[in-house]
Every structure is written in C-alpha cells, then in structure tokens.
Amino acid sequence: MSDKKMKATAYWKENVKYLFLLLTIWFLVSYGAGILFKDALNTIKIGGFKLGFWFAQQGSIYVFVILIFVYVRLMNKLDKKYGYD
C-alpha cells in the first residue's frame, strides 16, 4: 500500500472516530436528556421551565450547534496533521 493511501486511510479512520464520538454525545443529550432522563431532570427548573422539557425543546439544538463548531475545530487540526490544509 502506498504512503498516500495509508495516510488517507488513517485520516478517514480518525474522522469516523470523531463523528462517532460527537454523534454519541448528541444522541445522549437529545434522546437521553430529553426522553430517557426527563423525569429526573424535571425536578430542576431553568427560567421557570423543567430541565427535561428544556433539553427536549432547546438544549439538544444548542448542543448540536456547539458540536458543529467542535467538529470544525477537530477537522482543521486533523487536516493539518495529515497535510490536507
């Protein structure tokens, strides 16, 4: 296998690892906090709203937007690491 192909394979594996990690975080926040753990979170209130409700309606969207910025930062570092910048 050529050096270029090995580099591309390593790049893709690391990219998929980042995707899996970030999507897992988003799943835990959106499905976990908004549905599975909502009863426990509803004992806490933010701005007059129950925390479980807040995560289901707005929190998961905020986390998703933050994860987009995290992904961009990780990919910029990954591009520099493998010389694709």
Protein backbone atom coordinates (compact mmCIF):
# COMPACT_ATOMS: atom_id res chain seq x y z
CA MET A 1 0.00 0.00 0.00
CA SER A 2 1.38 3.41 -0.92
CA ASP A 3 2.16 6.06 1.66
CA LYS A 4 -0.54 8.32 0.25
CA LYS A 5 -3.20 5.63 0.56
CA MET A 6 -2.11 4.72 4.11
CA LYS A 7 -2.29 8.40 5.07
CA ALA A 8 -5.77 8.73 3.58
CA THR A 9 -6.95 5.58 5.39
CA ALA A 10 -5.60 6.83 8.73
CA TYR A 11 -7.22 10.22 8.10
CA TRP A 12 -10.60 8.61 7.38
CA LYS A 13 -10.42 6.34 10.45
CA GLU A 14 -9.73 9.30 12.71
CA ASN A 15 -12.52 11.29 11.04
CA VAL A 16 -15.01 8.46 11.62
CA LYS A 17 -13.87 8.22 15.26
CA TYR A 18 -14.63 11.94 15.74
CA LEU A 19 -18.00 11.59 14.02
CA PHE A 20 -18.99 8.63 16.18
CA LEU A 21 -17.94 10.42 19.38
CA LEU A 22 -19.76 13.67 18.55
CA LEU A 23 -22.92 11.93 17.35
CA THR A 24 -22.93 9.81 20.51
CA ILE A 25 -22.77 12.97 22.62
CA TRP A 26 -25.62 14.49 20.63
CA PHE A 27 -27.69 11.31 20.97
CA LEU A 28 -27.16 11.21 24.73
CA VAL A 29 -28.15 14.85 25.09
CA SER A 30 -31.15 14.79 22.76
CA TYR A 31 -32.58 11.33 23.40
CA GLY A 32 -31.13 10.70 26.86
CA ALA A 33 -31.76 14.08 28.49
CA GLY A 34 -34.92 14.85 26.52
CA ILE A 35 -36.64 11.45 26.81
CA LEU A 36 -34.93 8.84 28.98
CA PHE A 37 -33.83 11.02 31.90
CA LYS A 38 -36.54 13.68 31.64
CA ASP A 39 -38.28 12.66 34.85
CA ALA A 40 -35.09 13.09 36.89
CA LEU A 41 -34.21 16.32 35.08
CA ASN A 42 -37.70 17.75 35.51
CA THR A 43 -37.01 18.19 39.22
CA ILE A 44 -34.67 21.06 38.22
CA LYS A 45 -36.04 24.27 36.74
CA ILE A 46 -34.34 26.78 34.45
CA GLY A 47 -36.12 30.05 33.72
CA GLY A 48 -39.38 28.59 35.01
CA PHE A 49 -39.20 25.55 32.73
CA LYS A 50 -38.41 22.00 33.74
CA LEU A 51 -34.90 20.98 32.66
CA GLY A 52 -36.08 17.81 30.88
CA PHE A 53 -38.53 19.87 28.82
CA TRP A 54 -35.82 22.45 28.09
CA PHE A 55 -33.41 19.80 26.79
CA ALA A 56 -36.12 18.29 24.60
CA GLN A 57 -37.11 21.67 23.12
CA GLN A 58 -33.92 23.75 23.02
CA GLY A 59 -30.98 22.14 24.76
CA SER A 60 -30.31 19.48 22.17
CA ILE A 61 -30.31 22.13 19.43
CA TYR A 62 -27.77 24.24 21.34
CA VAL A 63 -25.59 21.19 21.91
CA PHE A 64 -25.81 20.29 18.21
CA VAL A 65 -24.66 23.78 17.16
CA ILE A 66 -21.77 23.63 19.66
CA LEU A 67 -20.81 20.19 18.32
CA ILE A 68 -20.68 21.63 14.80
CA PHE A 69 -18.05 24.14 15.94
CA VAL A 70 -16.16 21.41 17.80
CA TYR A 71 -16.20 19.24 14.67
CA VAL A 72 -14.85 22.10 12.53
CA ARG A 73 -12.03 22.66 15.02
CA LEU A 74 -11.20 18.95 15.17
CA MET A 75 -11.22 18.64 11.39
CA ASN A 76 -8.95 21.67 10.98
CA LYS A 77 -6.45 20.04 13.35
CA LEU A 78 -6.82 16.72 11.53
CA ASP A 79 -6.25 18.38 8.16
CA LYS A 80 -3.05 19.97 9.42
CA LYS A 81 -1.90 16.71 11.00
CA TYR A 82 -2.20 14.82 7.70
CA GLY A 83 -1.15 17.69 5.44
CA TYR A 84 -4.51 18.38 3.82
CA ASP A 85 -4.71 22.03 4.85
